């Protein structure tokens, strides 16, 4: 009995087919494949059928009429069968066949071609570029003369002087402009070179390069730079924005010409939230999305070296001195697809999924500007891989014009080991090595002081007896017992009227996650806790010894956390002083050296630490105290342009990078375990805003 074709409308194998057959021509039939995926493709290819993969039996088949004659065949068991699903169905109505993909009609133009958006970026360039007309000088001088309380003059040699505030025979600030016209490719190219003077001393303008301007917006910035500090020259930013909006509303629809400030603000809003930007465009006159994409596309194509060069190009010489902040952020171990690539695989181990991101932030010493320079997915970070990443970044920053003064890490074993890999590392002076870009300049290797304070608190908790013996002067050792902190906190639970300190149950008995919170550690090392232990009516000798240890730690912490030169005056605390060349600076450096010696005395000598710091904590604490003292001496005495008058040690912390980690998590919906893709998307938006 011949097998019947399972396609609706086909009569192969039926009696009607045998009656219409010409001669002895036999039509072959092919059974459905046994492979599930291949069978599913065959079932989907058959139109107008109720068959599914599960109700296909071994007796069902499809005849050869539903394949072209030159179909590619493959061998299944001992028979040759088609390698592709059926595609010819002559007895099926066209309405029952699946629709073919539509092709655009060549005779009609696309909607985007018929109504092309106005290239607002080109209009902006045309408006801002210097005019090549003969009236250029008149327009140039007229812009200068519109500014109040300034002096401007010109001579026959086309040298223009723009000055502010005459002090006797000398102007406080002056800029000399020299206009040059040059014919290039049958067009007149206008360039204006300038030279700035403060009194009689030549100075540089930090935001312009090569002492040359080519656009009107650059001239406006120069005018503001000269007139800085004069309140009469400035109008409120909100008022300026409203005035520009009124001007744009009155201009024709396809001739909206935006200035530089409008472009920068629009790009900043769009990169933060595109949905919000679309809603703003309903109420404000802003550049189109196509214009924003055209601007941001330039920054997306920049290489890392170009980003570094652009960052330092806008800095003055002393602001090019910077330091690196290195830390890891935990991410969710997942793989995601974005922009044609898979994100989530680790760079340190091939084929492994990343669970952390190695982040490196660059922060300038004087200007305070900072940006994340590297994001490397890692599975199990090792010292050699971290050294390779950081050393390559230091070399790239030095080539771009930066001067790396130091590197800050937290205190873990990997960071301690990778510090030893730097060339010129010496155990006696482990906190300083020769710079990778300039062997004559030192580079300081430091541990985060905030992380060290948490380690001091955690060492007291994790010690077997929860006690630490410390030197109290005159070769005397005292014991700081953690039970005194516990006893001080208990009356707060039983008696609400007794409030002696900031202690809470979380700060006294923290969980593993709460041990990482700085605020809980500072509830222990604070003036309130120290005074409560020393002056309470319940105070014992054990409490007083604990108060003395807290006083020692607190004195170090106030010095390490000083972030303002006047902080000791504002808070009326003489311990919060910056380091300078005065007697107060000498006293502050002595505190660092004393704690470096204390850490060595409290270092555990064997595997078991009895009333001692762990070896890693003691070594890192001594290392950092000596390193910060040497760093302060170098910055106060160097002949480089980044010489300091004072040094605030609170600037040498990882707080900026930790805050940026919070920025990553907030941008991902306030999730703690974010993915690599979410971090990379936020980082790309930050780079776009920085480039603009």
Foldseek 3Di string as FASTA:
>chain_A
DDAAAPAPQDGQPHPVCVVPDDDPDHWDKDFQDPDQVSSQQQVVQRWPDPDDSVPRDRRYTHIPVQADPPADWDDDPHDIDGPHHGHDDPRDDPVRHDDDDDDDDPVDDDPCVVDPAFQQVVLQCVQFFQDPDPCSLVVLVVVLVVFPQWDWDADPQGKIKIAHPDDDPWTQKIKIKHWDWDQDPNDIAIKIAIWMDGGNHTDDDLQDPPRIDGTVVVVVVVSCVRVPPDVVRDDDPVVVVVVLQVVQVPDDPRNRHDHPVLLLVLLLVCLLPVVVSVVVVVPTPHDDPVNSCVLLVVLVPDDLLRLLLLVCSSDDQLQLEKAKEKDKAFADQDWDDDPHDIPQAAPVDPPGGFGIWIWIKIATDPPRDIAIRDTGGHHDDALVVVLVVVLVVLVSNVVSNHHYAEYEEAQDPRLVVNLCVDPQQDPVQNQWGQRPNGRVHIYGYAYFPLNLLLLVLVQLVPAPQSKAWFDPPPRDIDIQHLVLVVVQAVCVVVPVVDDQFLADPCLSPNDPVSSPDSVSSVSCLDPSQLCSQCPPPPHDPNSPSNSVVSVLVNLLVLQLQQDDQCPCVVVVNLSNHWAAPDPSNVVNLVSLQVLLVRLVVQEADDPRRHSGRDNSSSVNSNSNSVRVSVSQVCLCDPPGPNRDRTGRNSVPHCVVVVVVLCVLCVQVVVDSRHHRVSSVSSSSSVSSSVSD
